[in-house]
N, C-alpha and C. Protein backbone atom coordinates (compact mmCIF):
# COMPACT_ATOMS: atom_id res chain seq x y z
N UNK A 1 229.87 13.39 170.23
CA UNK A 1 228.59 13.21 169.58
C UNK A 1 228.74 13.92 168.16
N UNK A 2 228.12 13.20 167.27
CA UNK A 2 228.22 13.76 165.94
C UNK A 2 227.03 14.74 165.73
N UNK A 3 227.21 15.50 164.48
CA UNK A 3 226.26 16.70 164.49
C UNK A 3 224.86 16.05 164.28
N UNK A 4 224.56 14.90 163.60
CA UNK A 4 223.30 14.41 163.49
C UNK A 4 222.70 14.10 164.72
N UNK A 5 223.53 13.49 165.63
CA UNK A 5 223.11 13.06 167.06
C UNK A 5 222.73 14.22 167.74
N UNK A 6 223.53 15.36 167.65
CA UNK A 6 223.10 16.61 168.27
C UNK A 6 222.12 17.30 167.90
N UNK A 7 221.56 17.15 166.68
CA UNK A 7 220.32 17.50 166.02
C UNK A 7 219.15 16.50 166.61
N UNK A 8 219.29 15.54 166.73
CA UNK A 8 218.31 14.68 167.06
C UNK A 8 217.99 14.73 168.57
N UNK A 9 219.09 15.06 169.45
CA UNK A 9 218.79 15.19 170.87
C UNK A 9 218.26 16.60 171.03
N UNK A 10 218.61 17.51 170.21
CA UNK A 10 217.96 19.08 170.42
C UNK A 10 216.24 18.90 170.02
N UNK A 11 216.16 17.93 169.09
CA UNK A 11 214.81 17.86 168.69
C UNK A 11 213.94 17.19 169.81
N UNK A 12 214.65 16.22 170.37
CA UNK A 12 214.03 15.56 171.51
C UNK A 12 213.76 16.32 172.62
N UNK A 13 214.81 17.26 173.04
CA UNK A 13 214.60 18.06 174.17
C UNK A 13 213.42 19.05 173.91
N UNK A 14 213.38 19.44 172.64
CA UNK A 14 212.37 20.36 172.18
C UNK A 14 210.92 19.83 172.44
N UNK A 15 210.76 18.47 172.03
CA UNK A 15 209.63 17.76 172.14
C UNK A 15 209.25 17.60 173.79
N UNK A 16 210.10 17.37 174.31
CA UNK A 16 209.88 16.96 175.81
C UNK A 16 209.46 18.47 176.64
N UNK A 17 210.18 19.41 176.16
CA UNK A 17 209.75 20.79 176.79
C UNK A 17 208.23 21.13 176.24
N UNK A 18 208.02 20.95 175.15
CA UNK A 18 206.65 21.23 174.67
C UNK A 18 205.54 20.23 175.31
N UNK A 19 205.98 19.09 175.52
CA UNK A 19 204.97 18.25 176.20
C UNK A 19 204.92 18.61 177.73
N UNK A 20 205.80 18.90 178.16
CA UNK A 20 205.91 19.38 179.73
C UNK A 20 205.17 20.57 179.89
N UNK A 21 205.28 21.48 178.99
CA UNK A 21 204.64 22.76 178.77
C UNK A 21 203.10 22.61 178.58
N UNK A 22 202.71 21.67 177.80
CA UNK A 22 201.22 21.30 177.68
C UNK A 22 200.68 20.84 178.81
N UNK A 23 201.23 19.79 179.51
CA UNK A 23 200.93 19.35 180.82
C UNK A 23 200.62 20.45 181.85
N UNK A 24 201.61 21.23 182.01
CA UNK A 24 201.75 22.31 182.99
C UNK A 24 200.55 23.37 182.75
N UNK A 25 200.53 23.75 181.60
CA UNK A 25 199.43 24.57 181.05
C UNK A 25 197.98 24.16 181.24
N UNK A 26 197.68 22.66 180.96
CA UNK A 26 196.50 22.07 181.23
C UNK A 26 196.22 22.16 182.76
N UNK A 27 197.18 22.00 183.52
CA UNK A 27 196.84 21.82 185.05
C UNK A 27 196.81 23.29 185.56
N UNK A 28 197.64 24.26 185.10
CA UNK A 28 197.67 25.45 185.94
C UNK A 28 197.44 26.70 185.13
N UNK A 29 197.13 26.55 183.74
CA UNK A 29 197.01 27.57 183.15
C UNK A 29 198.27 28.15 182.53
N UNK A 30 198.33 29.29 182.10
CA UNK A 30 199.67 29.80 181.59
C UNK A 30 200.68 30.56 182.54
N UNK A 31 200.33 30.44 183.88
CA UNK A 31 200.97 31.24 184.89
C UNK A 31 202.07 30.30 185.36
N UNK A 32 202.93 29.68 184.54
CA UNK A 32 203.98 28.98 184.94
C UNK A 32 205.29 29.60 184.06
N UNK A 33 206.42 29.22 184.62
CA UNK A 33 207.67 29.88 184.01
C UNK A 33 208.36 28.86 183.20
N UNK A 34 209.21 29.07 182.31
CA UNK A 34 210.06 28.50 181.60
C UNK A 34 211.11 27.47 182.56
N UNK A 35 211.39 27.90 183.77
CA UNK A 35 212.07 27.19 184.76
C UNK A 35 211.08 25.91 185.11
N UNK A 36 209.97 26.21 185.39
CA UNK A 36 208.89 25.30 185.67
C UNK A 36 208.84 24.03 184.56
N UNK A 37 208.86 24.49 183.39
CA UNK A 37 208.58 23.92 182.24
C UNK A 37 209.80 22.83 182.05
N UNK A 38 211.15 23.38 182.23
CA UNK A 38 212.42 22.68 182.25
C UNK A 38 212.23 21.49 183.23
N UNK A 39 211.96 22.02 184.49
CA UNK A 39 211.96 21.04 185.60
C UNK A 39 210.99 19.89 185.27
N UNK A 40 209.80 20.23 184.76
CA UNK A 40 208.74 19.03 184.55
C UNK A 40 209.35 17.89 183.33
N UNK A 41 210.02 18.69 182.49
CA UNK A 41 210.55 17.95 181.26
C UNK A 41 211.74 17.26 181.65
N UNK A 42 212.51 17.41 182.78
CA UNK A 42 213.67 16.89 183.10
C UNK A 42 215.00 17.18 182.53
N UNK A 43 214.94 18.47 181.95
CA UNK A 43 216.20 18.84 181.29
C UNK A 43 216.60 20.13 181.96
N UNK A 44 217.67 20.55 181.79
CA UNK A 44 218.30 21.73 182.49
C UNK A 44 217.89 22.91 182.13
N UNK A 45 217.89 24.04 182.84
CA UNK A 45 217.19 25.30 182.53
C UNK A 45 217.99 25.73 181.28
N UNK A 46 219.40 25.53 181.28
CA UNK A 46 219.96 26.11 180.17
C UNK A 46 219.67 25.44 178.76
N UNK A 47 219.37 24.26 178.78
CA UNK A 47 218.96 23.61 177.63
C UNK A 47 217.58 24.04 177.13
N UNK A 48 216.67 24.44 178.18
CA UNK A 48 215.30 25.12 177.87
C UNK A 48 215.61 26.44 177.07
N UNK A 49 216.31 27.12 177.57
CA UNK A 49 216.62 28.28 176.99
C UNK A 49 217.43 28.35 175.85
N UNK A 50 218.02 27.28 175.41
CA UNK A 50 218.65 27.11 174.12
C UNK A 50 217.61 26.85 173.10
N UNK A 51 216.29 26.20 173.59
CA UNK A 51 215.46 25.67 172.61
C UNK A 51 214.49 26.84 172.37
N UNK A 52 214.14 27.50 173.59
CA UNK A 52 213.06 28.54 173.57
C UNK A 52 213.72 29.79 174.22
N UNK A 53 213.70 31.12 173.69
CA UNK A 53 214.06 32.16 174.35
C UNK A 53 213.43 32.66 175.69
N UNK A 54 211.92 32.27 175.58
CA UNK A 54 211.10 32.71 176.61
C UNK A 54 209.80 31.84 176.58
N UNK A 55 209.02 31.99 177.61
CA UNK A 55 207.74 31.18 177.61
C UNK A 55 206.85 31.54 176.43
N UNK A 56 206.90 32.73 175.93
CA UNK A 56 206.29 33.04 174.91
C UNK A 56 206.38 32.37 173.49
N UNK A 57 207.63 32.03 173.34
CA UNK A 57 207.93 31.17 172.34
C UNK A 57 207.47 29.67 172.39
N UNK A 58 207.41 29.31 173.71
CA UNK A 58 206.87 27.85 173.92
C UNK A 58 205.32 27.89 173.70
N UNK A 59 204.54 29.08 174.08
CA UNK A 59 203.26 29.24 173.60
C UNK A 59 202.99 29.43 172.22
N UNK A 60 203.97 29.99 171.51
CA UNK A 60 203.74 30.03 169.99
C UNK A 60 203.94 28.74 169.44
N UNK A 61 204.78 27.92 169.96
CA UNK A 61 204.91 26.36 169.29
C UNK A 61 203.89 25.61 169.52
N UNK A 62 203.29 25.82 170.84
CA UNK A 62 202.00 25.13 171.18
C UNK A 62 200.80 25.48 170.33
N UNK A 63 200.77 26.71 170.28
CA UNK A 63 199.66 27.27 169.33
C UNK A 63 199.66 26.69 167.95
N UNK A 64 200.76 26.64 167.40
CA UNK A 64 200.66 25.90 166.10
C UNK A 64 200.27 24.35 166.25
N UNK A 65 200.69 23.74 167.21
CA UNK A 65 200.33 22.32 167.39
C UNK A 65 198.80 22.16 167.57
N UNK A 66 198.25 23.08 168.42
CA UNK A 66 196.92 23.03 168.70
C UNK A 66 195.93 23.53 167.73
N UNK A 67 196.51 24.33 166.56
CA UNK A 67 195.78 24.74 165.44
C UNK A 67 195.89 23.57 164.55
N UNK A 68 196.87 22.77 164.28
CA UNK A 68 196.98 21.62 163.51
C UNK A 68 196.09 20.77 163.98
N UNK A 69 195.88 20.59 165.20
CA UNK A 69 194.91 19.62 165.86
C UNK A 69 193.37 19.85 165.56
N UNK A 70 193.13 21.26 165.69
CA UNK A 70 191.80 21.65 165.42
C UNK A 70 191.47 21.31 163.78
N UNK A 71 192.42 21.78 162.84
CA UNK A 71 192.27 21.62 161.58
C UNK A 71 192.00 20.11 161.28
N UNK A 72 192.76 19.22 162.00
CA UNK A 72 192.66 17.82 161.67
C UNK A 72 191.38 17.22 162.04
N UNK A 73 190.77 17.71 163.15
CA UNK A 73 189.48 17.46 163.65
C UNK A 73 188.35 17.96 162.71
N UNK A 74 188.52 19.00 162.01
CA UNK A 74 187.52 19.52 161.14
C UNK A 74 187.62 18.76 159.90
N UNK A 75 188.75 18.22 159.31
CA UNK A 75 188.89 17.83 158.21
C UNK A 75 188.24 16.32 158.26
N UNK A 76 188.65 15.67 159.39
CA UNK A 76 187.99 14.36 159.59
C UNK A 76 186.52 14.52 159.58
N UNK A 77 186.01 15.66 160.23
CA UNK A 77 184.40 15.62 160.28
C UNK A 77 183.89 15.88 158.99
N UNK A 78 184.93 16.64 158.09
CA UNK A 78 184.28 16.90 156.69
C UNK A 78 184.26 15.62 156.04
N UNK A 79 185.03 14.58 156.26
CA UNK A 79 185.16 13.35 155.57
C UNK A 79 183.91 12.42 155.91
N UNK A 80 183.24 12.61 157.10
CA UNK A 80 182.08 11.88 157.41
C UNK A 80 180.96 12.03 156.24
N UNK A 81 180.37 11.06 155.84
CA UNK A 81 179.27 11.51 154.81
C UNK A 81 177.92 11.85 155.56
N UNK A 82 177.88 11.71 156.79
CA UNK A 82 176.75 12.14 157.48
C UNK A 82 177.14 13.42 157.96
N UNK A 83 176.55 14.51 157.55
CA UNK A 83 176.93 15.92 157.88
C UNK A 83 176.48 16.39 159.11
N UNK A 84 175.35 15.69 159.53
CA UNK A 84 175.10 16.08 161.11
C UNK A 84 176.03 15.32 162.10
N UNK A 85 176.31 14.16 161.78
CA UNK A 85 177.37 13.36 162.71
C UNK A 85 178.61 14.01 162.56
N UNK A 86 179.00 14.59 161.47
CA UNK A 86 180.21 15.18 161.18
C UNK A 86 180.30 16.62 162.06
N UNK A 87 179.30 17.28 161.90
CA UNK A 87 179.31 18.34 162.68
C UNK A 87 179.31 18.40 164.16
N UNK A 88 178.45 17.25 164.85
CA UNK A 88 178.41 16.89 166.05
C UNK A 88 179.96 16.46 166.47
N UNK A 89 180.64 15.67 165.81
CA UNK A 89 181.89 15.21 166.09
C UNK A 89 182.70 16.29 166.22
N UNK A 90 182.77 17.11 165.32
CA UNK A 90 183.51 18.39 165.48
C UNK A 90 183.49 19.12 166.56
N UNK A 91 182.31 19.50 167.08
CA UNK A 91 182.04 20.12 168.27
C UNK A 91 182.44 19.38 169.49
N UNK A 92 181.96 18.19 169.43
CA UNK A 92 182.36 17.37 170.65
C UNK A 92 183.91 17.17 170.80
N UNK A 93 184.71 16.89 169.72
CA UNK A 93 185.96 16.72 169.99
C UNK A 93 186.68 17.91 170.22
N UNK A 94 186.43 19.05 169.53
CA UNK A 94 187.04 20.33 169.73
C UNK A 94 186.76 20.80 171.15
N UNK A 95 185.72 20.42 171.78
CA UNK A 95 185.30 20.87 173.01
C UNK A 95 186.03 19.84 174.05
N UNK A 96 186.18 18.62 173.64
CA UNK A 96 186.77 17.71 174.54
C UNK A 96 188.48 18.09 174.77
N UNK A 97 188.94 18.50 173.65
CA UNK A 97 190.31 19.10 173.75
C UNK A 97 190.36 20.12 174.83
N UNK A 98 189.45 20.83 175.09
CA UNK A 98 189.54 21.86 176.18
C UNK A 98 189.13 21.29 177.51
N UNK A 99 188.43 20.09 177.57
CA UNK A 99 188.25 19.71 178.88
C UNK A 99 189.32 19.20 179.36
N UNK A 100 189.65 19.46 180.87
CA UNK A 100 190.79 18.96 181.56
C UNK A 100 192.00 19.73 181.20
N UNK A 101 192.08 20.83 180.23
CA UNK A 101 193.16 21.73 179.69
C UNK A 101 192.78 23.18 180.06
N UNK A 102 193.18 23.70 181.00
CA UNK A 102 193.09 25.21 181.49
C UNK A 102 193.87 25.89 180.55
N UNK A 103 194.86 25.32 179.79
CA UNK A 103 195.66 26.31 178.96
C UNK A 103 195.15 26.28 177.63
N UNK A 104 194.50 25.43 177.15
CA UNK A 104 194.22 25.39 175.74
C UNK A 104 193.49 26.64 175.19
N UNK A 105 192.46 27.19 175.87
CA UNK A 105 191.73 28.16 175.51
C UNK A 105 192.78 29.49 175.61
N UNK A 106 193.46 29.36 176.65
CA UNK A 106 194.39 30.67 176.88
C UNK A 106 195.42 30.82 175.76
N UNK A 107 195.90 29.45 175.34
CA UNK A 107 196.82 29.55 174.35
C UNK A 107 196.17 30.00 172.93
N UNK A 108 195.09 29.59 172.82
CA UNK A 108 194.36 29.90 171.42
C UNK A 108 193.91 31.51 171.48
N UNK A 109 193.80 32.04 172.73
CA UNK A 109 193.34 33.40 172.73
C UNK A 109 194.44 34.42 173.53
N UNK A 110 195.74 33.82 173.53
CA UNK A 110 196.84 34.57 174.00
C UNK A 110 197.03 36.04 173.40
N UNK A 111 196.93 37.01 174.00
CA UNK A 111 196.93 38.56 173.34
C UNK A 111 198.39 38.62 172.80
N UNK A 112 199.25 38.21 173.22
CA UNK A 112 200.69 38.30 172.73
C UNK A 112 201.06 37.87 171.45
N UNK A 113 200.12 36.89 170.88
CA UNK A 113 200.31 36.10 169.64
C UNK A 113 200.16 37.22 168.48
N UNK A 114 199.44 38.22 168.67
CA UNK A 114 199.44 39.21 167.79
C UNK A 114 198.32 39.08 166.70
N UNK A 115 198.15 39.92 165.67
CA UNK A 115 197.04 39.83 164.68
C UNK A 115 197.49 38.88 163.56
N UNK A 116 198.80 38.51 163.38
CA UNK A 116 199.14 37.56 162.30
C UNK A 116 198.71 36.14 162.75
N UNK A 117 198.74 35.98 163.95
CA UNK A 117 198.23 34.62 164.61
C UNK A 117 196.74 34.48 164.39
N UNK A 118 196.21 35.43 165.04
CA UNK A 118 194.73 35.58 165.03
C UNK A 118 194.14 35.32 163.46
N UNK A 119 194.69 36.07 162.55
CA UNK A 119 194.19 36.05 161.16
C UNK A 119 194.56 34.56 160.61
N UNK A 120 195.76 34.02 161.02
CA UNK A 120 195.96 32.71 160.66
C UNK A 120 195.02 31.54 161.09
N UNK A 121 194.53 31.78 162.26
CA UNK A 121 193.67 30.91 162.77
C UNK A 121 192.18 31.09 161.87
N UNK A 122 191.99 32.42 161.68
CA UNK A 122 190.65 32.55 160.93
C UNK A 122 190.90 31.93 159.52
N UNK A 123 191.90 32.32 158.99
CA UNK A 123 192.16 31.79 157.50
C UNK A 123 192.05 30.26 157.53
N UNK A 124 192.52 29.58 158.60
CA UNK A 124 192.57 28.01 158.47
C UNK A 124 191.42 27.40 158.87
N UNK A 125 190.80 27.99 159.76
CA UNK A 125 189.63 27.38 160.60
C UNK A 125 188.27 27.70 159.91
N UNK A 126 188.10 28.99 159.61
CA UNK A 126 186.83 29.53 158.97
C UNK A 126 186.25 28.76 157.97
N UNK A 127 187.20 28.50 156.89
CA UNK A 127 186.54 27.74 155.52
C UNK A 127 186.02 26.39 155.91
N UNK A 128 186.79 25.75 156.86
CA UNK A 128 186.40 24.31 157.29
C UNK A 128 185.12 24.25 158.03
N UNK A 129 184.88 25.40 158.85
CA UNK A 129 183.58 25.30 159.76
C UNK A 129 182.54 25.76 158.61
N UNK A 130 182.80 26.80 157.76
CA UNK A 130 181.82 27.14 156.79
C UNK A 130 181.19 25.90 155.81
N UNK A 131 182.29 25.05 155.62
CA UNK A 131 182.00 23.70 154.72
C UNK A 131 181.25 22.88 155.78
N UNK A 132 181.54 22.66 156.96
CA UNK A 132 180.62 21.86 157.74
C UNK A 132 179.14 22.34 157.81
N UNK A 133 178.96 23.52 158.04
CA UNK A 133 177.57 24.12 158.06
C UNK A 133 176.92 24.16 156.97
N UNK A 134 177.53 24.50 155.79
CA UNK A 134 176.84 24.46 154.56
C UNK A 134 176.51 23.12 154.10
N UNK A 135 177.43 22.16 154.36
CA UNK A 135 177.04 20.59 154.03
C UNK A 135 175.95 20.32 154.72
N UNK A 136 175.89 20.57 156.13
CA UNK A 136 174.94 20.18 157.02
C UNK A 136 173.41 20.91 156.61
N UNK A 137 173.46 21.99 155.84
CA UNK A 137 172.54 22.66 155.37
C UNK A 137 171.92 21.90 154.17
N UNK A 138 172.64 21.78 153.23
CA UNK A 138 172.56 20.85 151.93
C UNK A 138 171.86 19.55 152.22
N UNK A 139 172.02 18.99 153.39
CA UNK A 139 171.38 17.73 153.83
C UNK A 139 170.12 17.96 154.70
N UNK A 140 169.96 19.07 154.85
CA UNK A 140 168.61 19.25 155.51
C UNK A 140 168.60 19.19 157.07
N UNK A 141 169.68 19.03 157.67
CA UNK A 141 169.79 18.57 159.12
C UNK A 141 169.94 19.63 160.09
N UNK A 142 170.41 21.00 159.45
CA UNK A 142 170.27 22.20 160.36
C UNK A 142 169.57 23.21 159.78
N UNK A 143 169.09 24.28 160.56
CA UNK A 143 168.19 25.30 160.34
C UNK A 143 168.99 26.18 159.19
N UNK A 144 168.26 26.60 158.18
CA UNK A 144 168.89 27.28 157.11
C UNK A 144 169.54 28.58 157.50
N UNK A 145 169.28 29.36 158.57
CA UNK A 145 169.92 30.43 159.00
C UNK A 145 170.98 30.17 159.96
N UNK A 146 171.30 29.14 160.12
CA UNK A 146 172.56 28.74 160.74
C UNK A 146 173.79 29.14 160.32
N UNK A 147 174.82 29.84 160.91
CA UNK A 147 176.06 30.39 160.35
C UNK A 147 177.30 29.82 160.92
N UNK A 148 178.33 29.80 160.10
CA UNK A 148 179.53 29.23 160.88
C UNK A 148 180.10 30.14 162.04
N UNK A 149 179.63 31.29 162.04
CA UNK A 149 180.06 32.12 163.30
C UNK A 149 179.09 31.62 164.57
N UNK A 150 178.06 31.13 164.29
CA UNK A 150 177.31 30.57 165.40
C UNK A 150 178.15 29.50 166.11
N UNK A 151 178.96 28.64 165.17
CA UNK A 151 179.69 27.67 165.91
C UNK A 151 180.65 28.06 166.77
N UNK A 152 181.40 29.29 166.37
CA UNK A 152 182.28 29.83 167.33
C UNK A 152 181.79 30.23 168.66
N UNK A 153 180.35 30.91 168.51
CA UNK A 153 179.89 31.54 169.87
C UNK A 153 179.54 30.30 170.78
N UNK A 154 179.01 29.16 170.07
CA UNK A 154 178.65 27.95 170.78
C UNK A 154 179.99 27.43 171.50
N UNK A 155 181.15 27.32 170.81
CA UNK A 155 182.39 26.93 171.53
C UNK A 155 182.83 27.99 172.59
N UNK A 156 182.51 29.30 172.34
CA UNK A 156 182.88 30.21 173.44
C UNK A 156 181.98 30.10 174.68
N UNK A 157 180.76 29.85 174.25
CA UNK A 157 179.92 29.72 175.57
C UNK A 157 180.00 28.51 176.33
N UNK A 158 180.34 27.35 175.65
CA UNK A 158 180.54 25.96 176.22
C UNK A 158 181.93 26.05 176.97
N UNK A 159 182.92 26.64 176.44
CA UNK A 159 184.08 27.06 176.98
C UNK A 159 184.09 27.75 178.37
N UNK A 160 183.15 28.68 178.37
CA UNK A 160 183.04 29.27 179.67
C UNK A 160 182.29 28.38 180.61
N UNK A 161 181.30 27.59 180.16
CA UNK A 161 180.83 26.53 181.10
C UNK A 161 181.76 25.56 181.76
N UNK A 162 182.84 25.14 180.71
CA UNK A 162 183.54 24.26 181.33
C UNK A 162 184.63 24.77 182.29
N UNK A 163 185.03 26.11 182.16
CA UNK A 163 185.99 26.65 183.01
C UNK A 163 185.52 26.78 184.24
N UNK A 164 184.25 27.23 184.31
CA UNK A 164 183.57 27.64 185.79
C UNK A 164 183.13 26.42 186.39
N UNK A 165 182.79 25.06 185.79
CA UNK A 165 182.40 24.06 186.45
C UNK A 165 183.26 22.93 186.52
N UNK A 166 184.48 23.06 185.93
CA UNK A 166 185.60 22.11 185.84
C UNK A 166 185.76 21.12 187.15
N UNK A 167 185.84 21.84 188.25
CA UNK A 167 186.16 21.05 189.50
C UNK A 167 185.01 20.53 190.00
N UNK A 168 183.72 21.08 189.73
CA UNK A 168 182.55 20.49 190.48
C UNK A 168 181.85 19.55 189.51
N UNK A 169 181.61 19.68 188.20
CA UNK A 169 180.86 18.83 187.33
C UNK A 169 181.46 19.08 185.91
N UNK A 170 182.66 18.36 185.72
CA UNK A 170 183.59 18.45 184.39
C UNK A 170 182.81 18.05 183.32
N UNK A 171 181.51 17.28 183.19
CA UNK A 171 180.88 16.86 182.25
C UNK A 171 179.65 17.74 181.90
N UNK A 172 179.42 18.79 182.74
CA UNK A 172 178.29 19.61 182.48
C UNK A 172 178.15 20.11 181.20
N UNK A 173 179.28 20.71 180.42
CA UNK A 173 179.26 21.37 179.20
C UNK A 173 178.43 20.34 178.24
N UNK A 174 178.54 19.09 178.41
CA UNK A 174 177.76 18.11 177.51
C UNK A 174 176.41 18.45 177.61
N UNK A 175 175.67 18.63 178.79
CA UNK A 175 174.26 19.09 178.88
C UNK A 175 173.81 20.29 177.78
N UNK A 176 174.61 21.35 177.89
CA UNK A 176 174.40 22.39 177.15
C UNK A 176 174.82 22.41 175.67
N UNK A 177 175.81 21.52 175.46
CA UNK A 177 176.03 21.24 174.01
C UNK A 177 174.72 20.47 173.57
N UNK A 178 174.21 19.68 174.13
CA UNK A 178 172.79 18.81 173.74
C UNK A 178 171.74 19.91 173.48
N UNK A 179 171.78 20.82 174.37
CA UNK A 179 170.65 21.81 174.24
C UNK A 179 170.96 22.72 172.95
N UNK A 180 172.15 23.02 172.65
CA UNK A 180 172.46 23.78 171.66
C UNK A 180 172.22 22.97 170.24
N UNK A 181 172.61 21.82 170.44
CA UNK A 181 172.50 20.89 169.00
C UNK A 181 171.09 20.58 168.76
N UNK A 182 170.04 20.35 169.81
CA UNK A 182 168.79 20.29 169.49
C UNK A 182 168.21 21.50 168.79
N UNK A 183 168.75 22.77 169.45
CA UNK A 183 168.20 24.10 168.84
C UNK A 183 168.50 24.30 167.46
N UNK A 184 169.71 23.72 166.93
CA UNK A 184 169.93 24.07 165.54
C UNK A 184 169.54 23.11 164.62
N UNK A 185 169.00 21.91 165.06
CA UNK A 185 168.58 20.89 164.16
C UNK A 185 167.36 21.12 163.61
N UNK A 186 167.24 20.63 162.24
CA UNK A 186 165.98 21.00 161.43
C UNK A 186 165.52 19.91 160.68
N UNK A 187 165.71 18.67 161.21
CA UNK A 187 165.26 17.46 160.45
C UNK A 187 164.17 16.50 161.33
N UNK A 188 163.63 17.51 162.23
CA UNK A 188 162.40 16.88 162.98
C UNK A 188 162.91 15.46 163.89
N UNK A 189 164.08 15.30 164.16
CA UNK A 189 164.58 14.16 165.04
C UNK A 189 164.01 14.62 166.49
N UNK A 190 163.60 13.53 167.21
CA UNK A 190 163.28 13.67 168.70
C UNK A 190 164.39 14.41 169.40
N UNK A 191 163.83 15.14 170.51
CA UNK A 191 164.76 15.64 171.56
C UNK A 191 165.83 14.74 171.92
N UNK A 192 167.09 15.09 172.01
CA UNK A 192 168.16 14.15 172.60
C UNK A 192 168.06 14.13 174.24
N UNK A 193 168.08 13.00 174.78
CA UNK A 193 168.22 12.71 176.32
C UNK A 193 169.39 13.38 176.68
N UNK A 194 169.20 14.19 177.84
CA UNK A 194 170.30 14.87 178.41
C UNK A 194 171.21 13.95 179.07
N UNK A 195 172.50 14.16 178.59
CA UNK A 195 173.64 13.37 179.07
C UNK A 195 173.99 13.52 180.62
N UNK A 196 173.73 14.50 181.18
CA UNK A 196 174.03 14.77 182.59
C UNK A 196 172.89 15.81 183.23
N UNK A 197 172.87 15.43 184.60
CA UNK A 197 171.70 16.31 185.45
C UNK A 197 172.37 17.68 185.48
N UNK A 198 171.21 18.53 185.59
CA UNK A 198 171.40 19.96 185.76
C UNK A 198 171.93 20.01 187.28
N UNK A 199 172.98 20.97 187.48
CA UNK A 199 173.30 21.47 188.82
C UNK A 199 171.96 22.04 189.65
N UNK A 200 172.19 21.78 190.89
CA UNK A 200 171.14 22.45 191.91
C UNK A 200 171.17 24.01 191.86
N UNK A 201 170.36 24.62 192.35
CA UNK A 201 170.25 25.86 192.80
C UNK A 201 171.50 26.40 193.27
N UNK A 202 171.51 25.50 194.57
CA UNK A 202 172.71 25.78 195.55
C UNK A 202 174.04 25.59 194.93
N UNK A 203 174.22 24.69 194.14
CA UNK A 203 175.34 24.53 193.27
C UNK A 203 175.81 25.78 192.59
N UNK A 204 174.81 26.17 191.79
CA UNK A 204 174.92 27.15 190.83
C UNK A 204 175.34 28.50 191.57
N UNK A 205 174.67 28.65 192.96
CA UNK A 205 175.06 29.71 193.60
C UNK A 205 176.22 29.94 193.96
N UNK A 206 176.83 28.68 194.52
CA UNK A 206 178.27 28.43 195.05
C UNK A 206 179.27 28.76 194.08
N UNK A 207 178.83 28.27 192.76
CA UNK A 207 179.99 28.70 191.60
C UNK A 207 179.81 30.15 191.34
N UNK A 208 178.64 30.78 191.36
CA UNK A 208 178.73 32.12 190.93
C UNK A 208 179.23 33.15 191.92
N UNK A 209 179.23 32.54 193.12
CA UNK A 209 179.96 33.48 194.14
C UNK A 209 181.26 33.03 194.65
N UNK A 210 181.82 31.92 193.87
CA UNK A 210 183.02 31.51 194.42
C UNK A 210 184.17 32.45 194.15
N UNK A 211 184.39 33.13 193.13
CA UNK A 211 185.27 34.31 192.92
C UNK A 211 185.29 35.20 193.63
N UNK A 212 183.94 35.72 194.09
CA UNK A 212 183.78 36.91 194.99
C UNK A 212 184.42 36.56 196.44
N UNK A 213 184.01 35.25 196.81
CA UNK A 213 184.65 34.81 198.00
C UNK A 213 185.95 34.77 198.12
N UNK A 214 186.83 34.29 197.21
CA UNK A 214 188.14 34.28 196.85
C UNK A 214 188.86 35.49 197.05
N UNK A 215 188.21 36.58 196.30
CA UNK A 215 188.58 38.00 196.20
C UNK A 215 188.63 38.63 197.57
N UNK A 216 187.63 38.35 198.53
CA UNK A 216 187.59 38.82 199.83
C UNK A 216 188.63 38.24 200.70
N UNK A 217 188.95 36.99 200.54
CA UNK A 217 190.14 36.42 201.24
C UNK A 217 191.39 37.13 201.14
N UNK A 218 191.74 37.65 199.87
CA UNK A 218 193.04 38.13 199.61
C UNK A 218 193.05 39.54 200.08
């Protein structure tokens, strides 16, 4: 096999491993091994370790991919001439990226990535989010005291809703996204119809006590 063919084969194996890791992290979170990833990718364990020294290197590579995806979503939202639609699109798409993906939030908040990665995320995402908010304020569609950091906390809150209701009501986060959006809008638009029903009191109680019940069984 020629050197060029070897490089191409190595690159394909790396992509297979990253795709397999993304699938496993989405299904199970980050508690999988590099051996699990190799098995899902259909490559030998030795091949996996030639591409990545450990699972942390896989997470680093996926972090970069996910960061690029979020940046791309934010830039597309900024290209929308309708600032409100762009802001809503950014929130909907960035949250949808987390829907069905248990690993995404964990990857973006993985403690072993270190301060350099955290700073990189801030430096690349924060200016885009600031631009989204400022443009919406200039067009008079969001309240003037709304801040780009509010977007971060909205995402954090809805991520928690998604994680806790994924199995029972995977679209429930959209209800609370609607409440948040109506709360920040400032152009006098009518209230948005709720996209999903609220959970019953019994369902909420079951969710709130689920972790406690599982702890007692162990």
